[in-house]
């Protein structure tokens, strides 16, 4: 058996549920997440920030 974490149910053969390896994973970008999120944040942040700031000033303790 190769290194990993196995699960055994009853008398059945162990089933590998997690494999150990010496190689580092490599991923590729699937979506253009950051450009889209930065654009959305650029549009929404000022309005939400100033609304929250006004609420903070209105409810501050004196």
C-alpha atoms as a PDB file:
ATOM      1  CA  UNK A   1       0.000   0.000   0.000  1.00  0.00           C
ATOM      2  CA  UNK A   2       1.186   3.499  -0.791  1.00  0.00           C
ATOM      3  CA  UNK A   3       1.497   6.087   2.019  1.00  0.00           C
ATOM      4  CA  UNK A   4      -1.733   7.765   3.015  1.00  0.00           C
ATOM      5  CA  UNK A   5      -4.739   7.616   5.286  1.00  0.00           C
ATOM      6  CA  UNK A   6      -7.042   4.657   4.840  1.00  0.00           C
ATOM      7  CA  UNK A   7     -10.529   3.846   6.039  1.00  0.00           C
ATOM      8  CA  UNK A   8     -11.753   0.361   6.719  1.00  0.00           C
ATOM      9  CA  UNK A   9     -15.418  -0.490   7.026  1.00  0.00           C
ATOM     10  CA  UNK A  10     -16.080  -3.912   8.437  1.00  0.00           C
ATOM     11  CA  UNK A  11     -14.092  -6.665   6.765  1.00  0.00           C
ATOM     12  CA  UNK A  12     -13.808  -4.898   3.421  1.00  0.00           C
ATOM     13  CA  UNK A  13     -10.409  -3.915   2.013  1.00  0.00           C
ATOM     14  CA  UNK A  14      -9.115  -0.514   3.197  1.00  0.00           C
ATOM     15  CA  UNK A  15     -10.060   2.457   1.035  1.00  0.00           C
ATOM     16  CA  UNK A  16      -7.592   5.313   0.622  1.00  0.00           C
ATOM     17  CA  UNK A  17      -9.142   8.625   1.617  1.00  0.00           C
ATOM     18  CA  UNK A  18      -5.998  10.817   1.691  1.00  0.00           C
ATOM     19  CA  UNK A  19      -2.759  10.295  -0.276  1.00  0.00           C
ATOM     20  CA  UNK A  20       0.675  11.480   0.834  1.00  0.00           C
ATOM     21  CA  UNK A  21       3.135  12.709  -1.794  1.00  0.00           C
ATOM     22  CA  UNK A  22       6.492  14.468  -2.002  1.00  0.00           C
ATOM     23  CA  UNK A  23       5.410  16.739  -4.861  1.00  0.00           C
ATOM     24  CA  UNK A  24       4.003  20.210  -4.272  1.00  0.00           C
ATOM     25  CA  UNK A  25       0.617  20.837  -5.864  1.00  0.00           C
ATOM     26  CA  UNK A  26       0.380  23.105  -8.873  1.00  0.00           C
ATOM     27  CA  UNK A  27      -2.797  24.966  -9.703  1.00  0.00           C
ATOM     28  CA  UNK A  28      -3.886  27.020 -12.663  1.00  0.00           C
ATOM     29  CA  UNK A  29      -6.226  29.990 -12.549  1.00  0.00           C
ATOM     30  CA  UNK A  30      -9.700  29.012 -13.642  1.00  0.00           C
ATOM     31  CA  UNK A  31     -11.482  32.346 -13.221  1.00  0.00           C
ATOM     32  CA  UNK A  32     -10.458  35.987 -13.399  1.00  0.00           C
ATOM     33  CA  UNK A  33     -11.461  36.395  -9.754  1.00  0.00           C
ATOM     34  CA  UNK A  34      -9.242  39.250  -8.582  1.00  0.00           C
ATOM     35  CA  UNK A  35      -9.849  41.704 -11.444  1.00  0.00           C
ATOM     36  CA  UNK A  36     -13.610  41.220 -11.142  1.00  0.00           C
ATOM     37  CA  UNK A  37     -13.611  41.526  -7.349  1.00  0.00           C
ATOM     38  CA  UNK A  38     -11.375  44.604  -7.429  1.00  0.00           C
ATOM     39  CA  UNK A  39     -13.731  46.263  -9.916  1.00  0.00           C
ATOM     40  CA  UNK A  40     -16.772  45.431  -7.760  1.00  0.00           C
ATOM     41  CA  UNK A  41     -15.027  46.652  -4.615  1.00  0.00           C
ATOM     42  CA  UNK A  42     -14.022  49.876  -6.362  1.00  0.00           C
ATOM     43  CA  UNK A  43     -17.661  50.547  -7.198  1.00  0.00           C
ATOM     44  CA  UNK A  44     -19.180  49.562  -3.853  1.00  0.00           C
ATOM     45  CA  UNK A  45     -16.561  50.424  -1.246  1.00  0.00           C
ATOM     46  CA  UNK A  46     -16.928  54.227  -1.143  1.00  0.00           C
ATOM     47  CA  UNK A  47     -20.705  54.154  -0.650  1.00  0.00           C
ATOM     48  CA  UNK A  48     -20.559  51.391   1.989  1.00  0.00           C
ATOM     49  CA  UNK A  49     -17.606  52.972   3.781  1.00  0.00           C
ATOM     50  CA  UNK A  50     -19.197  56.395   4.120  1.00  0.00           C
ATOM     51  CA  UNK A  51     -22.512  54.875   5.174  1.00  0.00           C
ATOM     52  CA  UNK A  52     -20.755  52.873   7.917  1.00  0.00           C
ATOM     53  CA  UNK A  53     -18.693  55.913   8.943  1.00  0.00           C
ATOM     54  CA  UNK A  54     -21.833  58.047   9.263  1.00  0.00           C
ATOM     55  CA  UNK A  55     -23.462  55.331  11.382  1.00  0.00           C
ATOM     56  CA  UNK A  56     -20.371  55.107  13.588  1.00  0.00           C
ATOM     57  CA  UNK A  57     -20.401  58.855  14.189  1.00  0.00           C
ATOM     58  CA  UNK A  58     -24.152  58.861  14.819  1.00  0.00           C
ATOM     59  CA  UNK A  59     -23.942  56.101  17.422  1.00  0.00           C
ATOM     60  CA  UNK A  60     -20.668  57.072  19.091  1.00  0.00           C
ATOM     61  CA  UNK A  61     -20.456  57.485  22.832  1.00  0.00           C
ATOM     62  CA  UNK A  62     -19.832  60.985  24.103  1.00  0.00           C
END
